[in-house]
Amino acid sequence: MNRVVVNGMLGSGKTIVAVYLMKYLADSEEFAGKKIGFVVPQTSLRKTMKFIFRGIYGLTPSQVLSPSDITKKQYDILLVDEAHRLHQYKNISYRGAFKKSCERLGMTTDADELDWILEQSKCAVLFYDYNQVVGPSGIDYERFEEKMRNPYKKHTISYFTLATQMRVQGGNDYIAFIKDLLAGAADRKYHSKKYDLKLYSDFSKFEKDMYAKEEETGLSRMVAGYAWPWISKNDRSKKDIEIQGVKRMWNHCTEGWVHTGEAIDEVGCIHSIQGYDLNYAFVILGNDIGYDKTTGQIIIRPECYFDKNGKITASYEELKEYITNVYYVLMTRGIKGTYLYVCDDELREYFSKYIEEEN
């Protein structure tokens, strides 16, 4: 069994490389007749990838698979995009279906979706970024490496790294700045002629500018950490989020939300936006994240974090990692720029030292 791990930061082109590789394998005589699948863990992204495959000669939508799909037959090669979004049995909503998939392979629920892939393929190519694990059900770095180096199964393993930032026009410098900012370790004001990064204190202007950018370039969306309960899920007449008298609703769906007509008037959560690119990202940092001026550290407030599956069983430090990872993902969606509204006063004050403020 061969295992290939392609590590890459946000925006380094993992999905592009994965699709190109899939196309190469489909066109190559060497791999003719091989059973090859393209696994996409997120339901929200799978529909989009099926649409993309439909438009590429030699590829078909049926090659785009969910993790449970691959438990039904063996494959020669499986390419797994966003492998950090594979799940374990812990803190998931589809426990019954997960258990059935495990039973299909003769496994217990101690196994995870990565085990399914390794069991069902002769070669697994895994595109992975541990910084994008956003909840306890994900495959963190330690668990991932343990599976890769399992001494009980003979295999070869190869590692590759995509080191250059391809999505965000601010490049690696912007990514490094955001990592430092969310670690409470920023030490310089961000300036770039290539990338817009601004901090807002007026939410009405924040919203107005989002509509203006949508009119100007398209693909401008408002997204947020899961710091408000999703009350509109059961009552579409209600708004979920209210800031400075402005009311907005969470994403009405997760599957393909970015490209729906309603998205411009809604706020996307991490589950609706991860894996997608925007021209401009308007990011709300809710009260689930804050800043302690006394200690100079980023803090979190579990009571203000409403992703139930995201915090059950998680310790404070684990939840802090998940929440900061969520904001890391949200703040690196924008190709041309990222605009921030921060709910916590002390966190906004900390950010204002390092980010230009919008007047």
Protein backbone atom coordinates (compact mmCIF):
# COMPACT_ATOMS: atom_id res chain seq x y z
CA MET A 1 0.00 0.00 0.00
CA ASN A 2 1.27 3.46 -0.89
CA ARG A 3 0.42 6.60 1.07
CA VAL A 4 1.15 10.07 -0.26
CA VAL A 5 0.67 13.11 1.98
CA VAL A 6 0.53 16.57 0.42
CA ASN A 7 0.80 19.19 3.15
CA GLY A 8 -0.22 22.71 2.30
CA MET A 9 -1.29 25.87 4.05
CA LEU A 10 -4.54 27.64 3.26
CA GLY A 11 -4.60 28.82 -0.33
CA SER A 12 -1.53 26.88 -1.41
CA GLY A 13 -3.48 25.19 -4.19
CA LYS A 14 -4.18 21.76 -2.69
CA THR A 15 -7.54 21.41 -4.44
CA ILE A 16 -6.14 22.61 -7.77
CA VAL A 17 -3.27 20.11 -7.56
CA ALA A 18 -5.71 17.35 -6.59
CA VAL A 19 -7.98 18.03 -9.57
CA TYR A 20 -5.03 18.26 -11.97
CA LEU A 21 -3.72 14.96 -10.63
CA MET A 22 -7.15 13.38 -11.07
CA LYS A 23 -7.22 14.59 -14.68
CA TYR A 24 -3.69 13.29 -15.30
CA LEU A 25 -4.57 9.85 -13.97
CA ALA A 26 -7.73 9.76 -16.10
CA ASP A 27 -5.78 10.62 -19.28
CA SER A 28 -2.76 8.40 -18.65
CA GLU A 29 -2.57 5.04 -20.40
CA GLU A 30 -0.53 3.76 -17.46
CA PHE A 31 -3.59 4.04 -15.22
CA ALA A 32 -6.21 2.94 -17.75
CA GLY A 33 -8.71 0.60 -16.16
CA LYS A 34 -7.75 1.58 -12.63
CA LYS A 35 -10.55 2.35 -10.20
CA ILE A 36 -9.87 5.93 -9.04
CA GLY A 37 -11.98 8.11 -6.74
CA PHE A 38 -11.89 11.70 -5.51
CA VAL A 39 -13.03 11.95 -1.89
CA VAL A 40 -14.49 15.23 -0.61
CA PRO A 41 -15.39 15.05 3.11
CA GLN A 42 -17.54 18.23 3.25
CA THR A 43 -21.09 17.95 1.98
CA SER A 44 -20.97 21.69 1.26
CA LEU A 45 -18.08 21.31 -1.19
CA ARG A 46 -18.99 17.96 -2.76
CA LYS A 47 -21.79 19.37 -4.92
CA THR A 48 -19.46 22.07 -6.26
CA MET A 49 -16.76 19.51 -7.10
CA LYS A 50 -19.28 17.33 -8.93
CA PHE A 51 -20.22 20.38 -11.02
CA ILE A 52 -16.52 21.04 -11.78
CA PHE A 53 -15.91 17.40 -12.77
CA ARG A 54 -18.89 17.56 -15.11
CA GLY A 55 -17.09 20.26 -17.09
CA ILE A 56 -13.72 18.47 -17.39
CA TYR A 57 -13.34 16.04 -20.28
CA GLY A 58 -12.48 12.59 -19.02
CA LEU A 59 -13.85 13.14 -15.52
CA THR A 60 -17.36 12.41 -14.27
CA PRO A 61 -19.37 13.59 -11.25
CA SER A 62 -19.71 9.98 -10.08
CA GLN A 63 -15.97 9.98 -9.29
CA VAL A 64 -16.57 12.55 -6.52
CA LEU A 65 -17.25 10.52 -3.40
CA SER A 66 -18.20 10.93 0.23
CA PRO A 67 -16.19 9.00 2.85
CA SER A 68 -19.11 6.58 3.31
CA ASP A 69 -19.24 5.90 -0.45
CA ILE A 70 -15.79 4.35 -0.40
CA THR A 71 -16.80 1.75 2.22
CA LYS A 72 -18.89 0.03 -0.46
CA LYS A 73 -16.08 -1.02 -2.82
CA GLN A 74 -12.32 -1.14 -3.23
CA TYR A 75 -10.28 1.41 -5.17
CA ASP A 76 -6.84 1.38 -6.73
CA ILE A 77 -6.28 5.07 -5.98
CA LEU A 78 -8.16 7.51 -3.76
CA LEU A 79 -7.37 11.22 -3.81
CA VAL A 80 -8.68 12.92 -0.66
CA ASP A 81 -9.15 16.69 -0.78
CA GLU A 82 -9.40 18.55 2.56
CA ALA A 83 -8.35 15.41 4.46
CA HIS A 84 -8.35 17.45 7.70
CA ARG A 85 -12.15 17.43 7.42
CA LEU A 86 -12.37 13.65 7.69
CA HIS A 87 -14.20 12.64 10.87
CA GLN A 88 -13.95 10.25 13.74
CA TYR A 89 -16.98 8.93 15.68
CA LYS A 90 -16.53 11.62 18.32
CA ASN A 91 -19.02 14.53 18.41
CA ILE A 92 -20.76 13.90 15.07
CA SER A 93 -24.45 14.13 14.21
CA TYR A 94 -24.57 11.06 11.91
CA ARG A 95 -23.51 8.41 14.42
CA GLY A 96 -25.88 5.75 13.08
CA ALA A 97 -24.64 6.05 9.47
CA PHE A 98 -21.01 6.20 10.68
CA LYS A 99 -21.47 2.99 12.68
CA LYS A 100 -22.98 1.19 9.66
CA SER A 101 -20.04 2.21 7.50
CA CYS A 102 -17.64 0.85 10.12
CA GLU A 103 -19.59 -2.41 10.33
CA ARG A 104 -19.49 -2.74 6.53
CA LEU A 105 -15.70 -2.91 6.80
CA GLY A 106 -15.62 -5.09 9.90
CA MET A 107 -14.43 -2.17 12.04
CA THR A 108 -15.59 -0.75 15.34
CA THR A 109 -16.33 2.93 15.91
CA ASP A 110 -12.78 3.32 17.24
CA ALA A 111 -11.93 3.60 13.54
CA ASP A 112 -12.33 6.85 11.65
CA GLU A 113 -12.94 7.92 8.06
CA LEU A 114 -9.20 7.97 7.40
CA ASP A 115 -9.10 4.26 8.35
CA TRP A 116 -11.84 3.60 5.79
CA ILE A 117 -9.78 5.24 3.06
CA LEU A 118 -6.58 3.41 3.96
CA GLU A 119 -8.48 0.10 4.08
CA GLN A 120 -10.30 0.58 0.77
CA SER A 121 -7.44 1.81 -1.43
CA LYS A 122 -4.13 0.46 -2.70
CA CYS A 123 -2.84 4.03 -2.86
CA ALA A 124 -4.18 7.00 -0.88
CA VAL A 125 -3.16 10.57 -1.76
CA LEU A 126 -4.09 12.84 1.14
CA PHE A 127 -4.19 16.65 0.90
CA TYR A 128 -3.93 17.81 4.49
CA ASP A 129 -3.52 20.94 6.66
CA TYR A 130 -3.60 20.43 10.44
CA ASN A 131 -4.26 24.16 10.95
CA GLN A 132 -7.72 23.65 9.47
CA VAL A 133 -9.00 21.10 11.99
CA VAL A 134 -11.93 23.00 13.51
CA GLY A 135 -13.51 20.57 15.97
CA PRO A 136 -13.00 17.45 18.12
CA SER A 137 -14.38 15.18 15.38
CA GLY A 138 -11.55 16.12 13.01
CA ILE A 139 -8.32 14.22 12.41
CA ASP A 140 -5.69 16.19 14.29
CA TYR A 141 -1.99 16.02 13.49
CA GLU A 142 -1.11 13.38 16.12
CA ARG A 143 -3.93 11.06 15.05
CA PHE A 144 -3.14 11.60 11.37
CA GLU A 145 0.56 10.77 11.80
CA GLU A 146 -0.28 7.71 13.90
CA LYS A 147 -2.39 6.35 11.04
CA MET A 148 0.31 7.12 8.47
CA ARG A 149 3.00 5.28 10.40
CA ASN A 150 0.94 2.26 11.46
CA PRO A 151 3.64 -0.42 11.88
CA TYR A 152 1.19 -3.32 11.49
CA LYS A 153 0.55 -2.68 7.77
CA LYS A 154 3.29 -2.70 5.18
CA HIS A 155 3.30 0.47 3.15
CA THR A 156 5.46 3.19 1.72
CA ILE A 157 4.80 6.81 2.60
CA SER A 158 5.87 9.94 0.75
CA TYR A 159 5.50 13.54 1.92
CA PHE A 160 5.26 16.66 -0.24
CA THR A 161 4.70 20.28 0.76
CA LEU A 162 3.00 23.09 -1.16
CA ALA A 163 4.87 26.02 0.34
CA THR A 164 3.67 29.01 -1.65
CA GLN A 165 0.45 30.91 -0.97
CA MET A 166 -1.54 30.99 -4.22
CA ARG A 167 -4.98 32.26 -3.22
CA VAL A 168 -4.49 35.31 -1.06
CA GLN A 169 -2.79 38.15 -2.91
CA GLY A 170 -1.07 39.14 0.31
CA GLY A 171 0.93 35.92 0.01
CA ASN A 172 2.81 34.10 2.74
CA ASP A 173 3.43 37.39 4.56
CA TYR A 174 -0.31 37.86 5.15
CA ILE A 175 -0.77 34.25 6.31
CA ALA A 176 2.11 34.61 8.78
CA PHE A 177 0.63 37.87 10.07
CA ILE A 178 -2.80 36.28 10.68
CA LYS A 179 -1.21 33.35 12.52
CA ASP A 180 0.70 35.74 14.78
CA LEU A 181 -2.37 37.92 15.31
CA LEU A 182 -4.52 34.98 16.43
CA ALA A 183 -1.73 33.71 18.66
CA GLY A 184 -1.62 37.06 20.48
CA ALA A 185 1.90 37.55 19.14
CA ALA A 186 1.51 40.29 16.51
CA ASP A 187 4.44 42.70 16.60
CA ARG A 188 4.02 44.89 13.52
CA LYS A 189 1.37 46.93 11.71
CA TYR A 190 0.20 45.20 8.57
CA HIS A 191 0.85 47.10 5.34
CA SER A 192 0.51 45.78 1.82
CA LYS A 193 0.05 47.28 -1.64
CA LYS A 194 -1.30 43.92 -2.83
CA TYR A 195 -3.92 43.18 -0.16
CA ASP A 196 -6.64 45.01 1.76
CA LEU A 197 -6.94 44.38 5.49
CA LYS A 198 -9.13 46.73 7.51
CA LEU A 199 -10.80 46.85 10.91
CA TYR A 200 -14.30 48.31 11.35
CA SER A 201 -16.06 49.67 14.43
CA ASP A 202 -19.27 50.68 12.60
CA PHE A 203 -21.23 47.56 11.66
CA SER A 204 -23.60 49.43 9.34
CA LYS A 205 -20.64 50.64 7.28
CA PHE A 206 -19.16 47.14 7.40
CA GLU A 207 -22.37 45.79 5.87
CA LYS A 208 -22.67 48.65 3.37
CA ASP A 209 -19.12 48.13 2.13
CA MET A 210 -19.77 44.42 1.70
CA TYR A 211 -22.67 45.18 -0.66
CA ALA A 212 -20.47 47.69 -2.51
CA LYS A 213 -17.71 45.11 -3.01
CA GLU A 214 -20.28 42.57 -4.19
CA GLU A 215 -21.49 45.08 -6.78
CA GLU A 216 -17.92 45.86 -7.79
CA THR A 217 -16.34 42.39 -7.99
CA GLY A 218 -18.86 39.75 -6.92
CA LEU A 219 -18.04 36.92 -4.50
CA SER A 220 -18.05 39.13 -1.41
CA ARG A 221 -19.62 37.45 1.60
CA MET A 222 -20.08 38.04 5.31
CA VAL A 223 -18.90 35.14 7.49
CA ALA A 224 -18.55 34.66 11.24
CA GLY A 225 -17.42 32.41 14.03
CA TYR A 226 -20.18 30.28 15.55
CA ALA A 227 -20.87 32.83 18.30
CA TRP A 228 -24.68 33.02 17.89
CA PRO A 229 -27.26 30.24 18.13
CA TRP A 230 -28.92 29.21 14.86
CA ILE A 231 -32.52 30.07 15.74
CA SER A 232 -33.59 30.66 12.12
CA LYS A 233 -32.99 26.97 11.39
CA ASN A 234 -36.43 26.22 12.81
CA ASP A 235 -38.05 29.63 12.29
CA ARG A 236 -37.14 31.49 9.10
CA SER A 237 -38.95 34.60 10.32
CA LYS A 238 -36.24 35.19 12.94
CA LYS A 239 -32.78 36.69 12.62
CA ASP A 240 -29.84 35.04 14.35
CA ILE A 241 -27.32 37.86 14.66
CA GLU A 242 -27.85 41.43 15.82
CA ILE A 243 -24.98 43.93 16.02
CA GLN A 244 -25.45 47.65 16.58
CA GLY A 245 -29.11 47.33 15.61
CA VAL A 246 -28.38 45.50 12.34
CA LYS A 247 -29.93 42.04 12.09
CA ARG A 248 -28.77 39.21 9.85
CA MET A 249 -29.48 35.51 9.42
CA TRP A 250 -27.15 32.51 9.37
CA ASN A 251 -26.65 30.66 6.09
CA HIS A 252 -29.90 28.97 5.06
CA CYS A 253 -27.92 25.95 3.82
CA THR A 254 -24.33 24.68 3.88
CA GLU A 255 -24.18 22.87 0.54
CA GLY A 256 -23.01 25.35 -2.08
CA TRP A 257 -24.10 28.30 0.08
CA VAL A 258 -21.49 30.70 -1.34
CA HIS A 259 -23.08 30.58 -4.79
CA THR A 260 -26.74 30.85 -3.76
CA GLY A 261 -28.75 34.02 -4.36
CA GLU A 262 -29.52 34.38 -0.66
CA ALA A 263 -25.88 34.27 0.49
CA ILE A 264 -25.23 38.01 0.06
CA ASP A 265 -27.89 38.78 2.70
CA GLU A 266 -26.80 36.08 5.14
CA VAL A 267 -23.80 35.24 7.31
CA GLY A 268 -21.85 32.09 6.51
CA CYS A 269 -20.49 29.81 9.22
CA ILE A 270 -17.28 27.78 8.95
CA HIS A 271 -19.15 24.74 7.61
CA SER A 272 -20.51 26.71 4.65
CA ILE A 273 -17.28 28.47 3.65
CA GLN A 274 -14.33 26.13 4.28
CA GLY A 275 -12.85 25.08 0.96
CA TYR A 276 -14.27 28.08 -0.95
CA ASP A 277 -12.59 31.23 -2.24
CA LEU A 278 -14.01 34.75 -2.05
CA ASN A 279 -12.86 37.99 -3.61
CA TYR A 280 -13.52 39.84 -0.36
CA ALA A 281 -14.25 38.28 3.02
CA PHE A 282 -16.13 40.31 5.62
CA VAL A 283 -15.39 38.46 8.87
CA ILE A 284 -17.21 38.93 12.18
CA LEU A 285 -15.25 37.83 15.23
CA GLY A 286 -17.89 37.10 17.86
CA ASN A 287 -17.69 37.02 21.64
CA ASP A 288 -16.45 33.44 21.54
CA ILE A 289 -12.98 34.97 21.16
CA GLY A 290 -11.47 37.83 23.15
CA TYR A 291 -8.27 39.27 24.56
CA ASP A 292 -6.92 39.60 28.08
CA LYS A 293 -4.92 42.82 28.34
CA THR A 294 -3.44 41.78 31.67
CA THR A 295 -1.83 38.62 30.34
CA GLY A 296 -1.53 39.73 26.72
CA GLN A 297 -3.21 36.52 25.56
CA ILE A 298 -6.06 35.53 23.29
CA ILE A 299 -8.90 34.01 25.32
CA ILE A 300 -12.08 32.15 24.41
CA ARG A 301 -15.53 31.98 26.00
CA PRO A 302 -17.01 28.48 25.65
CA GLU A 303 -20.43 29.79 26.75
CA CYS A 304 -20.47 32.04 23.65
CA TYR A 305 -19.60 29.24 21.22
CA PHE A 306 -22.71 27.55 19.83
CA ASP A 307 -21.38 24.72 17.68
CA LYS A 308 -22.49 21.96 20.05
CA ASN A 309 -20.63 19.21 18.22
CA GLY A 310 -17.60 21.48 18.17
CA LYS A 311 -17.24 21.83 21.93
CA ILE A 312 -18.63 18.70 23.56
CA THR A 313 -15.75 16.78 25.21
CA ALA A 314 -13.21 19.51 24.33
CA SER A 315 -11.00 20.97 27.04
CA TYR A 316 -10.48 24.74 27.22
CA GLU A 317 -7.14 24.52 25.40
CA GLU A 318 -8.54 22.18 22.72
CA LEU A 319 -11.52 24.46 22.18
CA LYS A 320 -9.23 27.47 21.98
CA GLU A 321 -7.30 25.74 19.20
CA TYR A 322 -10.52 24.90 17.33
CA ILE A 323 -11.93 28.43 17.63
CA THR A 324 -8.70 30.14 16.58
CA ASN A 325 -8.44 27.69 13.66
CA VAL A 326 -11.99 28.66 12.63
CA TYR A 327 -11.02 32.33 12.50
CA TYR A 328 -7.76 31.49 10.74
CA VAL A 329 -9.81 29.78 8.01
CA LEU A 330 -12.34 32.63 7.79
CA MET A 331 -9.65 35.32 7.65
CA THR A 332 -7.87 33.60 4.76
CA ARG A 333 -10.83 33.15 2.39
CA GLY A 334 -10.49 36.51 0.62
CA ILE A 335 -8.34 36.69 -2.51
CA LYS A 336 -8.25 40.50 -2.70
CA GLY A 337 -9.01 41.54 0.87
CA THR A 338 -10.33 40.80 4.35
CA TYR A 339 -12.42 43.19 6.42
CA LEU A 340 -12.97 42.60 10.12
CA TYR A 341 -15.61 43.49 12.68
CA VAL A 342 -14.63 42.50 16.24
CA CYS A 343 -17.30 42.21 18.94
CA ASP A 344 -14.99 42.02 21.98
CA ASP A 345 -13.75 45.50 22.98
CA GLU A 346 -10.32 44.42 24.20
CA LEU A 347 -9.73 42.19 21.20
CA ARG A 348 -10.68 45.09 18.92
CA GLU A 349 -8.22 47.32 20.78
CA TYR A 350 -5.47 44.71 20.35
CA PHE A 351 -6.24 44.33 16.62
CA SER A 352 -6.30 48.10 16.14
CA LYS A 353 -2.61 48.30 17.04
CA TYR A 354 -1.72 46.16 14.04
CA ILE A 355 -4.50 46.69 11.48
CA GLU A 356 -5.59 49.86 9.72
CA GLU A 357 -8.96 51.10 10.97
CA GLU A 358 -11.75 52.06 8.59
CA ASN A 359 -13.16 55.49 9.42
